[in-house]
Every structure is written in C-alpha cells, then in structure tokens.
C-alpha cells in the first residue's frame, strides 16, 4: 500500500514538473491575492514578484463564499482582474496550491478546481523610454471552476465587472485620486478602476461611482443570504480550498 501511494505521488510530481517547464507563473483572482489571509498564510514567504494582471473569462461568487473563474462561455470577452505571481520554489508552491484548491492531477474529475494554463495580460511601461504602457501576454497557471459544478451551484452569482476585490471588500479609505478607464477592456465591458487599485482598499467606491456594471453587481449583492453577506473576514482562511 505504501509503495502504491509513493508511486502515485511520484507520478503527480512528474506531471507538475512538466507543467512548470511550460510556465512557472501563477494568476490569482481571489483570496490568494496579496492582502488576503490565504496569501499571508500559504504563499507570501515564497513570492518573488507580484504584478496586476487580467485573464479573460467570467467571474462568479459561489454559494460557499469563494470566487470561481469560468472559461469557455459566452462572456469570455470579459476581463477578470487579479495578480500574476512568480515564486522562488515553484514546485513546492504548486504542490501546496493543488492541495489547497483540491486539484488532483491524476484524477481531474474528482477536483473542486482545475489548474489550467491560460493567457494572461500584463500592462507594463515600455522599455524604450517614452513612458507609454504596453500589453504583454504571458501563459500562467489559473485555478478555474468547472462548469459542471457551476451548474449544480444554483446560488452562484455573476460578477460582471470581473473584480473580486470590488465585490468582496468594504472601502476603508476615500478615493484620493481620479479614476481612469482600464485600457485592457473592450467595448463590451466598461470598467474604470482607481489608479491605487493595488495599494489601497478603496476599489468598491471607485467601482460604485464610475463602473457601468456596478448596478449589476449591486443586484447580485442583494441576493446573497444574510447575515454577513456570506463573506468570511479578510483574515479568515476559508476551508477546504481557497479559490484562486
């Protein structure tokens, strides 16, 4: 029995090593983003670099209180906001994340989340010195939510703005700067985000004032069971998985 378990572990590890040869980047859109409890508890000490990034897909608030990214549906023109991360020990981190998200490389049908390599957009300043932003595409590992499970979650709510932070957080500071149009969005998704989006917990206020999709998010909020709007506290680690 022990030998069988060891063989299973080695096979899964070889798959992870092969995956990391294809990409060692990870994209997170939920409680594993910086400033949340799961980031601090599980991956903070391994992080080498964090950058704001965007992945195409549809974002949902699941009845369990987690976000879920869905790909391959009619809303894939939308951009889901998150963070692109690099790690000092990517294999160790991938093993940890697979366990946290309940992804089983050898048995994907048993998995709660699926790890998929997807294109991610990062906005960086051009290196030619003109100071203009340029879009760069990178392939990164993303933990997505299976459509088969979404069909079973009758209470799942669509988040049309694609921003878990703006839906999840309560603003603690006033918006101190103006808001600008998010250059990565197409004509079907009008989002305006405060320029301190990744420094201050104020996204919801900017979203409420300027985002065309805010009313849809507001309608979704009203459907969440009370009390506490179904949200765990920021420093509480959800169990058993973390949903990106």
Protein backbone atom coordinates (compact mmCIF):
# COMPACT_ATOMS: atom_id res chain seq x y z
CA UNK A 1 0.00 0.00 0.00
CA UNK A 2 2.79 2.41 0.92
CA UNK A 3 4.54 1.66 -2.35
CA UNK A 4 1.34 2.41 -4.28
CA UNK A 5 0.97 5.75 -2.51
CA UNK A 6 4.61 6.62 -3.24
CA UNK A 7 4.17 5.70 -6.90
CA UNK A 8 1.04 7.87 -7.12
CA UNK A 9 2.85 10.82 -5.50
CA UNK A 10 5.82 10.47 -7.88
CA UNK A 11 3.56 10.40 -10.95
CA UNK A 12 1.73 13.53 -9.82
CA UNK A 13 5.04 15.24 -9.10
CA UNK A 14 6.38 14.44 -12.56
CA UNK A 15 3.26 15.99 -14.08
CA UNK A 16 3.81 19.14 -12.03
CA UNK A 17 7.46 19.34 -13.08
CA UNK A 18 6.43 19.04 -16.72
CA UNK A 19 3.80 21.74 -16.22
CA UNK A 20 6.37 24.11 -14.70
CA UNK A 21 8.57 23.68 -17.75
CA UNK A 22 5.68 25.13 -19.77
CA UNK A 23 5.14 28.02 -17.35
CA UNK A 24 6.23 28.91 -13.81
CA UNK A 25 3.76 31.81 -13.47
CA UNK A 26 0.51 31.78 -11.50
CA UNK A 27 -2.54 34.02 -11.78
CA UNK A 28 -4.79 34.58 -8.74
CA UNK A 29 -8.13 36.36 -8.65
CA UNK A 30 -9.49 35.62 -5.15
CA UNK A 31 -8.29 35.02 -1.62
CA UNK A 32 -4.72 34.21 -2.71
CA UNK A 33 -4.19 37.78 -3.88
CA UNK A 34 -1.96 39.99 -1.77
CA UNK A 35 -3.55 41.39 1.40
CA UNK A 36 -5.85 38.41 1.92
CA UNK A 37 -5.44 35.79 4.64
CA UNK A 38 -4.64 32.86 2.34
CA UNK A 39 -1.85 34.82 0.68
CA UNK A 40 -0.26 35.59 4.04
CA UNK A 41 -0.64 32.07 5.37
CA UNK A 42 0.33 29.97 2.37
CA UNK A 43 2.41 31.74 -0.27
CA UNK A 44 3.71 35.10 0.94
CA UNK A 45 7.10 33.75 2.01
CA UNK A 46 7.67 32.18 -1.41
CA UNK A 47 6.71 35.16 -3.58
CA UNK A 48 9.36 36.70 -5.81
CA UNK A 49 7.21 39.14 -7.82
CA UNK A 50 3.59 40.34 -7.98
CA UNK A 51 2.05 42.27 -10.86
CA UNK A 52 -1.53 43.37 -11.62
CA UNK A 53 -2.84 41.22 -14.46
CA UNK A 54 -6.02 40.23 -16.28
CA UNK A 55 -7.42 36.95 -17.60
CA UNK A 56 -10.37 36.53 -19.94
CA UNK A 57 -13.31 34.62 -18.55
CA UNK A 58 -16.38 35.00 -16.34
CA UNK A 59 -16.21 35.55 -12.59
CA UNK A 60 -18.81 34.14 -10.20
CA UNK A 61 -19.48 34.40 -6.49
CA UNK A 62 -20.11 30.84 -5.32
CA UNK A 63 -22.53 29.86 -2.53
CA UNK A 64 -19.59 28.66 -0.39
CA UNK A 65 -18.26 32.23 -0.32
CA UNK A 66 -15.44 31.81 -2.84
CA UNK A 67 -14.93 33.29 -6.31
CA UNK A 68 -14.86 31.00 -9.31
CA UNK A 69 -13.44 31.77 -12.76
CA UNK A 70 -15.29 30.09 -15.62
CA UNK A 71 -13.84 29.81 -19.11
CA UNK A 72 -15.40 28.75 -22.37
CA UNK A 73 -18.75 30.54 -22.17
CA UNK A 74 -20.46 33.48 -23.85
CA UNK A 75 -18.83 36.02 -21.52
CA UNK A 76 -15.20 35.21 -22.28
CA UNK A 77 -14.74 38.71 -23.69
CA UNK A 78 -14.75 39.94 -20.08
CA UNK A 79 -11.56 40.56 -18.16
CA UNK A 80 -11.08 39.18 -14.67
CA UNK A 81 -8.72 41.29 -12.56
CA UNK A 82 -6.09 39.58 -10.46
CA UNK A 83 -2.38 39.24 -9.78
CA UNK A 84 0.39 37.46 -11.66
CA UNK A 85 2.96 35.92 -9.32
CA UNK A 86 6.37 34.28 -9.54
CA UNK A 87 7.79 32.09 -6.77
CA UNK A 88 11.23 31.07 -5.56
CA UNK A 89 10.19 27.42 -5.16
CA UNK A 90 7.52 26.92 -7.83
CA UNK A 91 7.28 23.12 -7.50
CA UNK A 92 6.72 23.32 -3.77
CA UNK A 93 4.17 26.10 -4.24
CA UNK A 94 2.35 24.19 -6.98
CA UNK A 95 2.03 21.14 -4.72
CA UNK A 96 0.69 23.33 -1.94
CA UNK A 97 -1.79 25.11 -4.21
CA UNK A 98 -3.03 21.88 -5.78
CA UNK A 99 -3.79 20.59 -2.30
CA UNK A 100 -5.40 23.83 -1.19
CA UNK A 101 -7.61 24.06 -4.28
CA UNK A 102 -8.33 20.32 -4.22
CA UNK A 103 -6.92 19.77 -7.69
CA UNK A 104 -5.79 16.19 -8.35
CA UNK A 105 -3.51 15.98 -11.42
CA UNK A 106 -4.17 12.26 -11.87
CA UNK A 107 -7.91 12.49 -11.20
CA UNK A 108 -9.22 15.82 -12.52
CA UNK A 109 -12.86 14.69 -12.38
CA UNK A 110 -12.56 14.50 -8.59
CA UNK A 111 -11.18 18.02 -8.38
CA UNK A 112 -13.01 21.04 -6.99
CA UNK A 113 -10.88 23.47 -9.02
CA UNK A 114 -8.94 22.73 -12.20
CA UNK A 115 -5.48 24.11 -12.89
CA UNK A 116 -5.25 25.35 -16.48
CA UNK A 117 -2.56 27.23 -18.40
CA UNK A 118 -4.21 30.36 -19.78
CA UNK A 119 -3.07 33.58 -21.45
CA UNK A 120 -2.79 36.47 -19.01
CA UNK A 121 -2.39 40.15 -19.91
CA UNK A 122 0.02 42.39 -18.02
CA UNK A 123 0.27 46.13 -18.58
CA UNK A 124 3.86 47.39 -18.29
CA UNK A 125 5.73 50.57 -19.13
CA UNK A 126 7.59 50.35 -22.44
CA UNK A 127 11.36 49.95 -22.16
CA UNK A 128 12.05 52.46 -24.95
CA UNK A 129 11.79 55.34 -22.51
CA UNK A 130 8.64 57.03 -23.81
CA UNK A 131 6.71 56.05 -20.68
CA UNK A 132 3.79 54.55 -22.58
CA UNK A 133 2.14 51.35 -21.31
CA UNK A 134 2.31 48.24 -23.45
CA UNK A 135 0.40 44.99 -23.18
CA UNK A 136 2.35 41.81 -22.68
CA UNK A 137 0.89 38.33 -22.80
CA UNK A 138 2.14 35.52 -20.58
CA UNK A 139 0.89 32.00 -20.07
CA UNK A 140 0.14 31.32 -16.41
CA UNK A 141 -1.48 28.64 -14.29
CA UNK A 142 -5.00 29.57 -13.20
CA UNK A 143 -7.32 27.61 -10.91
CA UNK A 144 -10.66 27.69 -12.68
CA UNK A 145 -14.04 26.44 -11.52
CA UNK A 146 -15.54 23.57 -13.57
CA UNK A 147 -18.71 24.33 -15.47
CA UNK A 148 -20.18 21.00 -14.34
CA UNK A 149 -20.02 22.21 -10.72
CA UNK A 150 -21.32 25.67 -11.59
CA UNK A 151 -24.48 24.09 -12.96
CA UNK A 152 -25.02 22.50 -9.54
CA UNK A 153 -24.49 25.76 -7.64
CA UNK A 154 -27.89 27.36 -8.02
CA UNK A 155 -26.91 30.30 -5.84
CA UNK A 156 -23.86 31.28 -7.91
CA UNK A 157 -23.90 34.98 -8.81
CA UNK A 158 -22.26 36.52 -11.86
CA UNK A 159 -19.82 39.38 -11.18
CA UNK A 160 -19.90 41.27 -14.50
CA UNK A 161 -17.15 43.70 -13.51
CA UNK A 162 -14.67 40.81 -13.13
CA UNK A 163 -13.22 42.19 -9.89
CA UNK A 164 -13.38 40.11 -6.74
CA UNK A 165 -11.85 42.94 -4.70
CA UNK A 166 -14.58 45.43 -5.59
CA UNK A 167 -17.30 42.90 -4.81
CA UNK A 168 -15.70 41.44 -1.69
CA UNK A 169 -14.25 44.45 0.11
CA UNK A 170 -15.72 47.27 2.13
CA UNK A 171 -13.89 50.57 1.43
CA UNK A 172 -11.89 51.86 4.37
CA UNK A 173 -10.33 54.93 2.77
CA UNK A 174 -11.77 57.62 0.49
CA UNK A 175 -10.70 57.76 -3.13
CA UNK A 176 -7.86 60.29 -3.17
CA UNK A 177 -7.16 60.29 -6.89
CA UNK A 178 -9.16 60.35 -10.06
CA UNK A 179 -10.20 57.20 -11.85
CA UNK A 180 -9.21 56.26 -15.37
CA UNK A 181 -10.52 53.84 -17.95
CA UNK A 182 -8.98 50.41 -17.85
CA UNK A 183 -7.20 50.19 -21.19
CA UNK A 184 -7.47 46.41 -21.38
CA UNK A 185 -11.27 46.37 -21.57
CA UNK A 186 -13.11 46.12 -24.85
CA UNK A 187 -16.29 47.97 -25.78
CA UNK A 188 -18.50 45.33 -24.13
CA UNK A 189 -17.02 45.74 -20.67
CA UNK A 190 -16.66 49.29 -19.43
CA UNK A 191 -14.67 49.34 -16.20
CA UNK A 192 -12.97 52.24 -14.51
CA UNK A 193 -10.52 51.46 -11.74
CA UNK A 194 -8.82 53.74 -9.24
CA UNK A 195 -5.12 54.09 -10.01
CA UNK A 196 -4.29 52.96 -6.47
CA UNK A 197 -6.26 49.77 -7.07
CA UNK A 198 -3.50 47.55 -5.75
CA UNK A 199 -2.33 49.79 -2.92
CA UNK A 200 -5.48 50.82 -1.05
CA UNK A 201 -8.74 49.03 -0.16
CA UNK A 202 -10.90 51.57 -2.00
CA UNK A 203 -11.90 49.80 -5.16
CA UNK A 204 -15.55 49.42 -4.30
CA UNK A 205 -16.06 53.17 -4.03
CA UNK A 206 -14.47 53.81 -7.41
CA UNK A 207 -16.47 50.95 -8.89
CA UNK A 208 -19.73 52.29 -7.48
CA UNK A 209 -19.16 55.77 -8.86
CA UNK A 210 -17.83 55.06 -12.33
CA UNK A 211 -18.30 51.46 -13.48
CA UNK A 212 -21.13 50.84 -15.93
CA UNK A 213 -21.63 47.34 -14.50
CA UNK A 214 -21.95 48.41 -10.87
CA UNK A 215 -25.73 48.13 -10.78
CA UNK A 216 -25.49 44.51 -11.86
CA UNK A 217 -23.03 43.83 -9.03
CA UNK A 218 -25.35 45.65 -6.64
CA UNK A 219 -28.24 43.44 -7.70
CA UNK A 220 -26.09 40.38 -7.13
CA UNK A 221 -25.17 41.58 -3.63
CA UNK A 222 -28.84 41.79 -2.69
CA UNK A 223 -29.26 38.10 -3.48
CA UNK A 224 -26.58 36.96 -1.02
CA UNK A 225 -28.03 35.35 2.13
CA UNK A 226 -27.76 37.36 5.33
CA UNK A 227 -26.19 37.87 7.81
CA UNK A 228 -22.64 39.00 6.96
CA UNK A 229 -23.38 38.83 3.24
CA UNK A 230 -21.83 35.38 3.12
CA UNK A 231 -18.29 36.75 3.23
CA UNK A 232 -15.57 35.46 5.55
CA UNK A 233 -13.48 38.10 7.28
CA UNK A 234 -10.40 39.21 5.37
CA UNK A 235 -8.03 37.44 7.73
CA UNK A 236 -10.04 34.23 7.93
CA UNK A 237 -8.75 31.32 5.86
CA UNK A 238 -11.59 29.56 4.03
CA UNK A 239 -11.63 25.79 4.19
CA UNK A 240 -11.04 23.48 2.50
CA UNK A 241 -9.97 25.41 -0.62
CA UNK A 242 -9.07 28.98 -1.48
CA UNK A 243 -10.40 29.59 -4.99
CA UNK A 244 -7.55 31.47 -6.58
